[in-house]
């Protein structure tokens, strides 16, 4: 239902969005990914869900 009205989930919460859907929904998604990698280049702070979603 939220997609019908332009809603989007919080990227860090479990949801059914794919990586591509996040890219479409968040205009600065790529900027976020670059910034996240600069703070955690070895991805030590990502769990399995986030590795599949944003890594």
N, C-alpha and C. Protein backbone atom coordinates (compact mmCIF):
# COMPACT_ATOMS: atom_id res chain seq x y z
N UNK A 1 0.82 -1.20 0.00
CA UNK A 1 0.00 0.00 0.00
C UNK A 1 0.87 1.27 0.00
N UNK A 2 1.97 1.23 0.74
CA UNK A 2 2.78 2.44 0.81
C UNK A 2 3.40 2.80 -0.53
N UNK A 3 3.67 1.81 -1.39
CA UNK A 3 4.22 2.11 -2.72
C UNK A 3 3.24 2.91 -3.56
N UNK A 4 1.98 2.61 -3.41
CA UNK A 4 0.94 3.32 -4.16
C UNK A 4 1.00 4.82 -3.91
N UNK A 5 1.39 5.22 -2.69
CA UNK A 5 1.43 6.62 -2.32
C UNK A 5 2.85 7.19 -2.22
N UNK A 6 3.80 6.48 -2.79
CA UNK A 6 5.17 6.98 -2.81
C UNK A 6 5.96 6.75 -1.53
N UNK A 7 5.43 5.92 -0.65
CA UNK A 7 6.13 5.63 0.60
C UNK A 7 7.34 4.75 0.33
N UNK A 8 8.23 4.73 1.29
CA UNK A 8 9.41 3.89 1.17
C UNK A 8 9.83 3.44 2.57
N UNK A 9 10.38 2.25 2.68
CA UNK A 9 10.78 1.75 4.00
C UNK A 9 12.10 2.36 4.43
N UNK A 10 12.37 2.30 5.71
CA UNK A 10 13.68 2.67 6.22
C UNK A 10 14.66 1.63 5.69
N UNK A 11 15.78 2.05 5.14
CA UNK A 11 16.71 1.12 4.49
C UNK A 11 17.31 0.12 5.47
N UNK A 12 17.38 0.47 6.76
CA UNK A 12 18.00 -0.42 7.73
C UNK A 12 17.04 -1.39 8.41
N UNK A 13 15.77 -1.32 8.07
CA UNK A 13 14.78 -2.21 8.67
C UNK A 13 14.45 -3.32 7.68
N UNK A 14 14.15 -4.50 8.20
CA UNK A 14 13.78 -5.61 7.33
C UNK A 14 12.56 -5.24 6.50
N UNK A 15 12.62 -5.49 5.21
CA UNK A 15 11.53 -5.18 4.30
C UNK A 15 11.71 -6.02 3.04
N UNK A 16 10.86 -5.81 2.07
CA UNK A 16 10.92 -6.61 0.84
C UNK A 16 11.51 -5.85 -0.34
N UNK A 17 12.03 -4.65 -0.14
CA UNK A 17 12.63 -3.89 -1.23
C UNK A 17 13.93 -4.55 -1.69
N UNK A 18 14.14 -4.54 -2.98
CA UNK A 18 15.42 -5.02 -3.52
C UNK A 18 16.39 -3.83 -3.58
N UNK A 19 17.63 -4.12 -3.86
CA UNK A 19 18.63 -3.07 -4.00
C UNK A 19 18.20 -2.07 -5.08
N UNK A 20 17.69 -2.57 -6.18
CA UNK A 20 17.25 -1.69 -7.28
C UNK A 20 16.07 -0.81 -6.86
N UNK A 21 15.15 -1.36 -6.08
CA UNK A 21 14.01 -0.56 -5.62
C UNK A 21 14.47 0.56 -4.69
N UNK A 22 15.47 0.28 -3.85
CA UNK A 22 16.01 1.33 -3.00
C UNK A 22 16.64 2.43 -3.84
N UNK A 23 17.40 2.05 -4.85
CA UNK A 23 18.04 3.04 -5.72
C UNK A 23 17.01 3.96 -6.36
N UNK A 24 15.88 3.40 -6.76
CA UNK A 24 14.82 4.20 -7.39
C UNK A 24 14.11 5.09 -6.37
N UNK A 25 13.98 4.62 -5.14
CA UNK A 25 13.20 5.33 -4.13
C UNK A 25 13.97 6.41 -3.39
N UNK A 26 15.28 6.25 -3.30
CA UNK A 26 16.11 7.21 -2.58
C UNK A 26 17.03 7.92 -3.57
N UNK A 27 16.74 9.18 -3.90
CA UNK A 27 17.52 9.90 -4.91
C UNK A 27 19.02 9.97 -4.63
N UNK A 28 19.43 9.96 -3.38
CA UNK A 28 20.85 10.06 -3.04
C UNK A 28 21.40 8.72 -2.55
N UNK A 29 20.81 7.63 -3.01
CA UNK A 29 21.23 6.29 -2.59
C UNK A 29 22.72 6.05 -2.84
N UNK A 30 23.18 6.37 -4.02
CA UNK A 30 24.59 6.13 -4.35
C UNK A 30 25.52 6.98 -3.48
N UNK A 31 25.11 8.20 -3.15
CA UNK A 31 25.90 9.04 -2.24
C UNK A 31 26.00 8.37 -0.87
N UNK A 32 24.89 7.84 -0.40
CA UNK A 32 24.89 7.15 0.89
C UNK A 32 25.83 5.94 0.86
N UNK A 33 25.76 5.15 -0.21
CA UNK A 33 26.61 3.96 -0.31
C UNK A 33 28.09 4.35 -0.27
N UNK A 34 28.45 5.39 -0.97
CA UNK A 34 29.85 5.86 -0.96
C UNK A 34 30.28 6.31 0.43
N UNK A 35 29.42 7.07 1.10
CA UNK A 35 29.73 7.56 2.43
C UNK A 35 29.84 6.39 3.42
N UNK A 36 28.91 5.45 3.34
CA UNK A 36 28.95 4.30 4.23
C UNK A 36 30.24 3.52 4.06
N UNK A 37 30.65 3.31 2.82
CA UNK A 37 31.89 2.58 2.55
C UNK A 37 33.11 3.34 3.05
N UNK A 38 33.06 4.66 3.03
CA UNK A 38 34.21 5.43 3.52
C UNK A 38 34.39 5.27 5.03
N UNK A 39 33.30 5.07 5.76
CA UNK A 39 33.37 4.88 7.21
C UNK A 39 33.59 3.42 7.60
N UNK A 40 33.24 2.49 6.72
CA UNK A 40 33.36 1.06 7.03
C UNK A 40 33.82 0.32 5.78
N UNK A 41 35.04 0.56 5.33
CA UNK A 41 35.51 -0.02 4.06
C UNK A 41 35.55 -1.55 4.04
N UNK A 42 35.64 -2.18 5.20
CA UNK A 42 35.68 -3.64 5.25
C UNK A 42 34.32 -4.25 5.57
N UNK A 43 33.30 -3.42 5.65
CA UNK A 43 31.91 -3.85 5.92
C UNK A 43 31.78 -4.65 7.22
N UNK A 44 32.53 -4.26 8.22
CA UNK A 44 32.46 -4.95 9.51
C UNK A 44 31.15 -4.72 10.24
N UNK A 45 30.46 -3.63 9.94
CA UNK A 45 29.26 -3.29 10.67
C UNK A 45 27.97 -3.70 9.95
N UNK A 46 28.09 -4.47 8.88
CA UNK A 46 26.91 -4.92 8.14
C UNK A 46 26.51 -6.32 8.59
N UNK A 47 25.21 -6.53 8.75
CA UNK A 47 24.72 -7.87 9.00
C UNK A 47 24.36 -8.52 7.66
N UNK A 48 23.89 -9.75 7.70
CA UNK A 48 23.59 -10.48 6.46
C UNK A 48 22.55 -9.75 5.61
N UNK A 49 21.50 -9.26 6.26
CA UNK A 49 20.45 -8.54 5.53
C UNK A 49 21.03 -7.31 4.82
N UNK A 50 21.80 -6.52 5.54
CA UNK A 50 22.34 -5.30 4.93
C UNK A 50 23.38 -5.60 3.86
N UNK A 51 24.14 -6.65 4.04
CA UNK A 51 25.10 -7.02 2.99
C UNK A 51 24.38 -7.32 1.69
N UNK A 52 23.25 -7.98 1.77
CA UNK A 52 22.47 -8.30 0.57
C UNK A 52 21.78 -7.08 -0.02
N UNK A 53 21.47 -6.11 0.83
CA UNK A 53 20.71 -4.94 0.40
C UNK A 53 21.58 -3.78 -0.07
N UNK A 54 22.65 -3.49 0.65
CA UNK A 54 23.40 -2.28 0.32
C UNK A 54 24.84 -2.51 -0.08
N UNK A 55 25.39 -3.64 0.19
CA UNK A 55 26.82 -3.84 -0.10
C UNK A 55 27.07 -4.11 -1.57
